[in-house]
Structures are given as C-alpha cells and as structure tokens.
Amino acid sequence: MLLLTERLPYFVHLQSQISDLKSLAESASRQVLAWADSLQNSPVRGQRYLSEHTRQRDQQDRRAAAFWGQLEAEHRRRFAGE
C-alpha cells in the first residue's frame, strides 16, 4: 500500500513520511520473521505439550544455568584480583 501511495502524484508532498513508514514496516517485518523463526526452531512444541514436570525441569535448568553463570563470574573476578 505504501508503495502505491508513494507513486501516486496526489501524495508527492508526503514522500519523506511515506519513506519513513516503509522503513518502519520493513523493520517490523524483519523482527516478526525473526521471532517466528526462533519459535519454529524452538525445542518446545507449544504450551499444550508442556506438562507440569517439563515446566519444572525447564525452570530448574534455567536456575542451574544462572547459578553456573554466577559461579563463573565470581571465579573470574577472584582470579582477576590475584
């Protein structure tokens, strides 16, 4: 639609605004496509397939990863001070 309005003589005075809107629309489109791609490549098939057990396991894995990250950061900090 923006491509059409950009080419119509009636909208010539709005050329810069139309160009800005086109850039915003393209950016939003790229973000939505990236989000959809990340969902499609996710190991989780969807909320309906998650049981309470798998939710708890996922939460525990995230907490463990955060804990290991904290340990590594503390380890680096201590060895940097020596």
PDB file of N, CA and C in Angstrom:
ATOM      1  N   MET A   1       0.825  -1.185   0.000  1.00  0.00           N
ATOM      2  CA  MET A   1       0.000   0.000   0.000  1.00  0.00           C
ATOM      3  C   MET A   1       0.875   1.257   0.000  1.00  0.00           C
ATOM      4  N   LEU A   2       1.934   1.214   0.785  1.00  0.00           N
ATOM      5  CA  LEU A   2       2.829   2.375   0.830  1.00  0.00           C
ATOM      6  C   LEU A   2       3.540   2.569  -0.507  1.00  0.00           C
ATOM      7  N   LEU A   3       3.860   1.473  -1.179  1.00  0.00           N
ATOM      8  CA  LEU A   3       4.492   1.587  -2.487  1.00  0.00           C
ATOM      9  C   LEU A   3       3.557   2.270  -3.481  1.00  0.00           C
ATOM     10  N   LEU A   4       2.285   1.944  -3.390  1.00  0.00           N
ATOM     11  CA  LEU A   4       1.296   2.564  -4.276  1.00  0.00           C
ATOM     12  C   LEU A   4       1.169   4.053  -3.987  1.00  0.00           C
ATOM     13  N   THR A   5       1.000   4.403  -2.717  1.00  0.00           N
ATOM     14  CA  THR A   5       0.835   5.820  -2.379  1.00  0.00           C
ATOM     15  C   THR A   5       2.088   6.622  -2.712  1.00  0.00           C
ATOM     16  N   GLU A   6       3.234   5.968  -2.646  1.00  0.00           N
ATOM     17  CA  GLU A   6       4.486   6.663  -2.973  1.00  0.00           C
ATOM     18  C   GLU A   6       4.527   7.066  -4.450  1.00  0.00           C
ATOM     19  N   ARG A   7       3.869   6.281  -5.281  1.00  0.00           N
ATOM     20  CA  ARG A   7       3.915   6.529  -6.722  1.00  0.00           C
ATOM     21  C   ARG A   7       2.780   7.427  -7.221  1.00  0.00           C
ATOM     22  N   LEU A   8       1.776   7.639  -6.398  1.00  0.00           N
ATOM     23  CA  LEU A   8       0.655   8.474  -6.825  1.00  0.00           C
ATOM     24  C   LEU A   8       1.017   9.957  -6.706  1.00  0.00           C
ATOM     25  N   PRO A   9       0.700  10.736  -7.717  1.00  0.00           N
ATOM     26  CA  PRO A   9       1.052  12.160  -7.686  1.00  0.00           C
ATOM     27  C   PRO A   9       0.360  12.931  -6.556  1.00  0.00           C
ATOM     28  N   TYR A  10      -0.772  12.430  -6.097  1.00  0.00           N
ATOM     29  CA  TYR A  10      -1.514  13.115  -5.033  1.00  0.00           C
ATOM     30  C   TYR A  10      -0.727  13.142  -3.725  1.00  0.00           C
ATOM     31  N   PHE A  11       0.142  12.168  -3.531  1.00  0.00           N
ATOM     32  CA  PHE A  11       0.880  12.044  -2.273  1.00  0.00           C
ATOM     33  C   PHE A  11       2.342  12.482  -2.379  1.00  0.00           C
ATOM     34  N   VAL A  12       2.698  13.202  -3.402  1.00  0.00           N
ATOM     35  CA  VAL A  12       4.086  13.619  -3.603  1.00  0.00           C
ATOM     36  C   VAL A  12       4.595  14.440  -2.420  1.00  0.00           C
ATOM     37  N   HIS A  13       3.750  15.253  -1.845  1.00  0.00           N
ATOM     38  CA  HIS A  13       4.184  16.101  -0.730  1.00  0.00           C
ATOM     39  C   HIS A  13       4.440  15.292   0.549  1.00  0.00           C
ATOM     40  N   LEU A  14       4.035  14.033   0.569  1.00  0.00           N
ATOM     41  CA  LEU A  14       4.242  13.167   1.740  1.00  0.00           C
ATOM     42  C   LEU A  14       5.348  12.130   1.505  1.00  0.00           C
ATOM     43  N   GLN A  15       6.184  12.384   0.521  1.00  0.00           N
ATOM     44  CA  GLN A  15       7.209  11.423   0.119  1.00  0.00           C
ATOM     45  C   GLN A  15       8.115  11.009   1.281  1.00  0.00           C
ATOM     46  N   SER A  16       8.604  11.951   2.076  1.00  0.00           N
ATOM     47  CA  SER A  16       9.535  11.602   3.160  1.00  0.00           C
ATOM     48  C   SER A  16       8.833  10.819   4.266  1.00  0.00           C
ATOM     49  N   GLN A  17       7.584  11.171   4.579  1.00  0.00           N
ATOM     50  CA  GLN A  17       6.843  10.424   5.598  1.00  0.00           C
ATOM     51  C   GLN A  17       6.549   8.996   5.129  1.00  0.00           C
ATOM     52  N   ILE A  18       6.211   8.861   3.857  1.00  0.00           N
ATOM     53  CA  ILE A  18       5.947   7.529   3.307  1.00  0.00           C
ATOM     54  C   ILE A  18       7.217   6.687   3.350  1.00  0.00           C
ATOM     55  N   SER A  19       8.328   7.294   3.028  1.00  0.00           N
ATOM     56  CA  SER A  19       9.607   6.582   3.074  1.00  0.00           C
ATOM     57  C   SER A  19       9.925   6.127   4.497  1.00  0.00           C
ATOM     58  N   ASP A  20       9.672   6.998   5.476  1.00  0.00           N
ATOM     59  CA  ASP A  20       9.897   6.633   6.882  1.00  0.00           C
ATOM     60  C   ASP A  20       8.985   5.474   7.295  1.00  0.00           C
ATOM     61  N   LEU A  21       7.720   5.533   6.874  1.00  0.00           N
ATOM     62  CA  LEU A  21       6.777   4.458   7.196  1.00  0.00           C
ATOM     63  C   LEU A  21       7.194   3.136   6.548  1.00  0.00           C
ATOM     64  N   LYS A  22       7.707   3.204   5.329  1.00  0.00           N
ATOM     65  CA  LYS A  22       8.183   1.995   4.666  1.00  0.00           C
ATOM     66  C   LYS A  22       9.338   1.371   5.441  1.00  0.00           C
ATOM     67  N   SER A  23      10.255   2.200   5.917  1.00  0.00           N
ATOM     68  CA  SER A  23      11.386   1.693   6.699  1.00  0.00           C
ATOM     69  C   SER A  23      10.907   1.039   7.994  1.00  0.00           C
ATOM     70  N   LEU A  24       9.949   1.673   8.662  1.00  0.00           N
ATOM     71  CA  LEU A  24       9.406   1.104   9.895  1.00  0.00           C
ATOM     72  C   LEU A  24       8.697  -0.224   9.628  1.00  0.00           C
ATOM     73  N   ALA A  25       7.939  -0.280   8.553  1.00  0.00           N
ATOM     74  CA  ALA A  25       7.220  -1.505   8.210  1.00  0.00           C
ATOM     75  C   ALA A  25       8.193  -2.633   7.875  1.00  0.00           C
ATOM     76  N   GLU A  26       9.261  -2.321   7.156  1.00  0.00           N
ATOM     77  CA  GLU A  26      10.262  -3.337   6.827  1.00  0.00           C
ATOM     78  C   GLU A  26      10.968  -3.832   8.087  1.00  0.00           C
ATOM     79  N   SER A  27      11.265  -2.928   8.996  1.00  0.00           N
ATOM     80  CA  SER A  27      11.910  -3.308  10.252  1.00  0.00           C
ATOM     81  C   SER A  27      11.001  -4.211  11.078  1.00  0.00           C
ATOM     82  N   ALA A  28       9.736  -3.844  11.186  1.00  0.00           N
ATOM     83  CA  ALA A  28       8.777  -4.657  11.927  1.00  0.00           C
ATOM     84  C   ALA A  28       8.631  -6.035  11.278  1.00  0.00           C
ATOM     85  N   SER A  29       8.619  -6.065   9.973  1.00  0.00           N
ATOM     86  CA  SER A  29       8.502  -7.329   9.261  1.00  0.00           C
ATOM     87  C   SER A  29       9.699  -8.237   9.551  1.00  0.00           C
ATOM     88  N   ARG A  30      10.906  -7.664   9.536  1.00  0.00           N
ATOM     89  CA  ARG A  30      12.101  -8.457   9.852  1.00  0.00           C
ATOM     90  C   ARG A  30      12.049  -8.985  11.281  1.00  0.00           C
ATOM     91  N   GLN A  31      11.594  -8.163  12.219  1.00  0.00           N
ATOM     92  CA  GLN A  31      11.503  -8.596  13.614  1.00  0.00           C
ATOM     93  C   GLN A  31      10.494  -9.725  13.781  1.00  0.00           C
ATOM     94  N   VAL A  32       9.339  -9.608  13.129  1.00  0.00           N
ATOM     95  CA  VAL A  32       8.318 -10.648  13.230  1.00  0.00           C
ATOM     96  C   VAL A  32       8.817 -11.946  12.600  1.00  0.00           C
ATOM     97  N   LEU A  33       9.494 -11.847  11.460  1.00  0.00           N
ATOM     98  CA  LEU A  33      10.028 -13.046  10.817  1.00  0.00           C
ATOM     99  C   LEU A  33      11.092 -13.712  11.687  1.00  0.00           C
ATOM    100  N   ALA A  34      11.947 -12.918  12.318  1.00  0.00           N
ATOM    101  CA  ALA A  34      12.976 -13.476  13.208  1.00  0.00           C
ATOM    102  C   ALA A  34      12.331 -14.138  14.418  1.00  0.00           C
ATOM    103  N   TRP A  35      11.303 -13.514  14.954  1.00  0.00           N
ATOM    104  CA  TRP A  35      10.589 -14.089  16.104  1.00  0.00           C
ATOM    105  C   TRP A  35       9.923 -15.410  15.703  1.00  0.00           C
ATOM    106  N   ALA A  36       9.264 -15.423  14.563  1.00  0.00           N
ATOM    107  CA  ALA A  36       8.606 -16.638  14.094  1.00  0.00           C
ATOM    108  C   ALA A  36       9.627 -17.743  13.840  1.00  0.00           C
ATOM    109  N   ASP A  37      10.767 -17.377  13.292  1.00  0.00           N
ATOM    110  CA  ASP A  37      11.828 -18.348  13.046  1.00  0.00           C
ATOM    111  C   ASP A  37      12.360 -18.920  14.356  1.00  0.00           C
ATOM    112  N   SER A  38      12.543 -18.071  15.360  1.00  0.00           N
ATOM    113  CA  SER A  38      13.032 -18.566  16.647  1.00  0.00           C
ATOM    114  C   SER A  38      12.013 -19.491  17.300  1.00  0.00           C
ATOM    115  N   LEU A  39      10.734 -19.206  17.132  1.00  0.00           N
ATOM    116  CA  LEU A  39       9.701 -20.101  17.659  1.00  0.00           C
ATOM    117  C   LEU A  39       9.683 -21.427  16.912  1.00  0.00           C
ATOM    118  N   GLN A  40       9.853 -21.349  15.621  1.00  0.00           N
ATOM    119  CA  GLN A  40       9.811 -22.555  14.807  1.00  0.00           C
ATOM    120  C   GLN A  40      10.997 -23.463  15.134  1.00  0.00           C
ATOM    121  N   ASN A  41      12.145 -22.884  15.450  1.00  0.00           N
ATOM    122  CA  ASN A  41      13.339 -23.661  15.751  1.00  0.00           C
ATOM    123  C   ASN A  41      13.470 -23.973  17.238  1.00  0.00           C
ATOM    124  N   SER A  42      12.477 -23.646  18.019  1.00  0.00           N
ATOM    125  CA  SER A  42      12.490 -23.896  19.453  1.00  0.00           C
ATOM    126  C   SER A  42      12.243 -25.379  19.725  1.00  0.00           C
ATOM    127  N   PRO A  43      12.876 -25.910  20.773  1.00  0.00           N
ATOM    128  CA  PRO A  43      12.635 -27.311  21.102  1.00  0.00           C
ATOM    129  C   PRO A  43      11.243 -27.548  21.693  1.00  0.00           C
ATOM    130  N   VAL A  44      10.599 -26.498  22.156  1.00  0.00           N
ATOM    131  CA  VAL A  44       9.270 -26.624  22.751  1.00  0.00           C
ATOM    132  C   VAL A  44       8.235 -26.623  21.631  1.00  0.00           C
ATOM    133  N   ARG A  45       7.377 -27.617  21.621  1.00  0.00           N
ATOM    134  CA  ARG A  45       6.367 -27.737  20.565  1.00  0.00           C
ATOM    135  C   ARG A  45       5.193 -26.804  20.796  1.00  0.00           C
ATOM    136  N   GLY A  46       5.000 -26.370  22.021  1.00  0.00           N
ATOM    137  CA  GLY A  46       3.900 -25.473  22.331  1.00  0.00           C
ATOM    138  C   GLY A  46       3.447 -25.684  23.757  1.00  0.00           C
ATOM    139  N   GLN A  47       2.699 -24.734  24.257  1.00  0.00           N
ATOM    140  CA  GLN A  47       2.284 -24.767  25.658  1.00  0.00           C
ATOM    141  C   GLN A  47       1.426 -25.993  25.965  1.00  0.00           C
ATOM    142  N   ARG A  48       0.609 -26.419  25.044  1.00  0.00           N
ATOM    143  CA  ARG A  48      -0.270 -27.551  25.320  1.00  0.00           C
ATOM    144  C   ARG A  48       0.513 -28.848  25.513  1.00  0.00           C
ATOM    145  N   TYR A  49       1.755 -28.907  25.017  1.00  0.00           N
ATOM    146  CA  TYR A  49       2.563 -30.117  25.146  1.00  0.00           C
ATOM    147  C   TYR A  49       3.410 -30.122  26.416  1.00  0.00           C
ATOM    148  N   LEU A  50       3.398 -29.022  27.164  1.00  0.00           N
ATOM    149  CA  LEU A  50       4.191 -28.944  28.380  1.00  0.00           C
ATOM    150  C   LEU A  50       3.398 -29.490  29.560  1.00  0.00           C
ATOM    151  N   SER A  51       3.973 -30.435  30.241  1.00  0.00           N
ATOM    152  CA  SER A  51       3.358 -30.927  31.470  1.00  0.00           C
ATOM    153  C   SER A  51       3.968 -30.152  32.637  1.00  0.00           C
ATOM    154  N   GLU A  52       3.430 -30.345  33.796  1.00  0.00           N
ATOM    155  CA  GLU A  52       3.986 -29.674  34.974  1.00  0.00           C
ATOM    156  C   GLU A  52       5.424 -30.131  35.193  1.00  0.00           C
ATOM    157  N   HIS A  53       5.690 -31.397  34.925  1.00  0.00           N
ATOM    158  CA  HIS A  53       7.043 -31.931  35.097  1.00  0.00           C
ATOM    159  C   HIS A  53       8.027 -31.238  34.155  1.00  0.00           C
ATOM    160  N   THR A  54       7.659 -31.089  32.889  1.00  0.00           N
ATOM    161  CA  THR A  54       8.574 -30.456  31.938  1.00  0.00           C
ATOM    162  C   THR A  54       8.744 -28.972  32.246  1.00  0.00           C
ATOM    163  N   ARG A  55       7.705 -28.326  32.735  1.00  0.00           N
ATOM    164  CA  ARG A  55       7.835 -26.919  33.128  1.00  0.00           C
ATOM    165  C   ARG A  55       8.814 -26.769  34.293  1.00  0.00           C
ATOM    166  N   GLN A  56       8.674 -27.656  35.287  1.00  0.00           N
ATOM    167  CA  GLN A  56       9.571 -27.601  36.440  1.00  0.00           C
ATOM    168  C   GLN A  56      11.007 -27.914  36.028  1.00  0.00           C
ATOM    169  N   ARG A  57      11.185 -28.888  35.146  1.00  0.00           N
ATOM    170  CA  ARG A  57      12.527 -29.234  34.684  1.00  0.00           C
ATOM    171  C   ARG A  57      13.149 -28.061  33.923  1.00  0.00           C
ATOM    172  N   ASP A  58      12.358 -27.409  33.083  1.00  0.00           N
ATOM    173  CA  ASP A  58      12.855 -26.256  32.344  1.00  0.00           C
ATOM    174  C   ASP A  58      13.244 -25.127  33.284  1.00  0.00           C
ATOM    175  N   GLN A  59      12.410 -24.870  34.287  1.00  0.00           N
ATOM    176  CA  GLN A  59      12.709 -23.824  35.261  1.00  0.00           C
ATOM    177  C   GLN A  59      13.970 -24.179  36.049  1.00  0.00           C
ATOM    178  N   GLN A  60      14.117 -25.430  36.425  1.00  0.00           N
ATOM    179  CA  GLN A  60      15.299 -25.864  37.162  1.00  0.00           C
ATOM    180  C   GLN A  60      16.552 -25.716  36.291  1.00  0.00           C
ATOM    181  N   ASP A  61      16.456 -26.056  35.017  1.00  0.00           N
ATOM    182  CA  ASP A  61      17.589 -25.897  34.106  1.00  0.00           C
ATOM    183  C   ASP A  61      17.997 -24.434  33.980  1.00  0.00           C
ATOM    184  N   ARG A  62      17.011 -23.545  33.900  1.00  0.00           N
ATOM    185  CA  ARG A  62      17.324 -22.114  33.813  1.00  0.00           C
ATOM    186  C   ARG A  62      17.985 -21.611  35.086  1.00  0.00           C
ATOM    187  N   ARG A  63      17.489 -22.064  36.250  1.00  0.00           N
ATOM    188  CA  ARG A  63      18.104 -21.654  37.511  1.00  0.00           C
ATOM    189  C   ARG A  63      19.525 -22.188  37.617  1.00  0.00           C
ATOM    190  N   ALA A  64      19.745 -23.425  37.183  1.00  0.00           N
ATOM    191  CA  ALA A  64      21.083 -24.017  37.228  1.00  0.00           C
ATOM    192  C   ALA A  64      22.035 -23.252  36.311  1.00  0.00           C
ATOM    193  N   ALA A  65      21.573 -22.903  35.126  1.00  0.00           N
ATOM    194  CA  ALA A  65      22.416 -22.152  34.195  1.00  0.00           C
ATOM    195  C   ALA A  65      22.763 -20.784  34.776  1.00  0.00           C
ATOM    196  N   ALA A  66      21.807 -20.134  35.413  1.00  0.00           N
ATOM    197  CA  ALA A  66      22.073 -18.829  36.033  1.00  0.00           C
ATOM    198  C   ALA A  66      23.065 -18.982  37.178  1.00  0.00           C
ATOM    199  N   PHE A  67      22.927 -20.049  37.970  1.00  0.00           N
ATOM    200  CA  PHE A  67      23.841 -20.296  39.079  1.00  0.00           C
ATOM    201  C   PHE A  67      25.261 -20.522  38.566  1.00  0.00           C
ATOM    202  N   TRP A  68      25.402 -21.348  37.516  1.00  0.00           N
ATOM    203  CA  TRP A  68      26.726 -21.583  36.952  1.00  0.00           C
ATOM    204  C   TRP A  68      27.321 -20.298  36.389  1.00  0.00           C
ATOM    205  N   GLY A  69      26.487 -19.471  35.814  1.00  0.00           N
ATOM    206  CA  GLY A  69      26.970 -18.178  35.319  1.00  0.00           C
ATOM    207  C   GLY A  69      27.500 -17.311  36.447  1.00  0.00           C
ATOM    208  N   GLN A  70      26.798 -17.327  37.575  1.00  0.00           N
ATOM    209  CA  GLN A  70      27.263 -16.561  38.735  1.00  0.00           C
ATOM    210  C   GLN A  70      28.573 -17.135  39.259  1.00  0.00           C
ATOM    211  N   LEU A  71      28.680 -18.463  39.326  1.00  0.00           N
ATOM    212  CA  LEU A  71      29.924 -19.085  39.790  1.00  0.00           C
ATOM    213  C   LEU A  71      31.095 -18.734  38.879  1.00  0.00           C
ATOM    214  N   GLU A  72      30.873 -18.800  37.577  1.00  0.00           N
ATOM    215  CA  GLU A  72      31.935 -18.464  36.637  1.00  0.00           C
ATOM    216  C   GLU A  72      32.352 -17.007  36.766  1.00  0.00           C
ATOM    217  N   ALA A  73      31.382 -16.117  36.935  1.00  0.00           N
ATOM    218  CA  ALA A  73      31.692 -14.698  37.090  1.00  0.00           C
ATOM    219  C   ALA A  73      32.492 -14.467  38.370  1.00  0.00           C
ATOM    220  N   GLU A  74      32.102 -15.114  39.447  1.00  0.00           N
ATOM    221  CA  GLU A  74      32.825 -14.987  40.713  1.00  0.00           C
ATOM    222  C   GLU A  74      34.234 -15.562  40.585  1.00  0.00           C
ATOM    223  N   HIS A  75      34.344 -16.679  39.894  1.00  0.00           N
ATOM    224  CA  HIS A  75      35.652 -17.309  39.687  1.00  0.00           C
ATOM    225  C   HIS A  75      36.571 -16.373  38.891  1.00  0.00           C
ATOM    226  N   ARG A  76      36.056 -15.780  37.824  1.00  0.00           N
ATOM    227  CA  ARG A  76      36.849 -14.841  37.025  1.00  0.00           C
ATOM    228  C   ARG A  76      37.236 -13.619  37.851  1.00  0.00           C
ATOM    229  N   ARG A  77      36.296 -13.137  38.662  1.00  0.00           N
ATOM    230  CA  ARG A  77      36.573 -11.959  39.474  1.00  0.00           C
ATOM    231  C   ARG A  77      37.680 -12.248  40.481  1.00  0.00           C
ATOM    232  N   ARG A  78      37.632 -13.405  41.099  1.00  0.00           N
ATOM    233  CA  ARG A  78      38.640 -13.745  42.110  1.00  0.00           C
ATOM    234  C   ARG A  78      40.012 -13.937  41.488  1.00  0.00           C
ATOM    235  N   PHE A  79      40.077 -14.585  40.331  1.00  0.00           N
ATOM    236  CA  PHE A  79      41.369 -14.799  39.706  1.00  0.00           C
ATOM    237  C   PHE A  79      41.904 -13.520  39.075  1.00  0.00           C
ATOM    238  N   ALA A  80      41.044 -12.614  38.715  1.00  0.00           N
ATOM    239  CA  ALA A  80      41.499 -11.335  38.177  1.00  0.00           C
ATOM    240  C   ALA A  80      42.119 -10.490  39.266  1.00  0.00           C
ATOM    241  N   GLY A  81      41.669 -10.669  40.507  1.00  0.00           N
ATOM    242  CA  GLY A  81      42.193  -9.891  41.637  1.00  0.00           C
ATOM    243  C   GLY A  81      43.534 -10.373  42.123  1.00  0.00           C
ATOM    244  N   GLU A  82      43.912 -11.588  41.780  1.00  0.00           N
ATOM    245  CA  GLU A  82      45.192 -12.137  42.268  1.00  0.00           C
ATOM    246  C   GLU A  82      46.338 -11.725  41.406  1.00  0.00           C
TER     247      GLU A  82
END
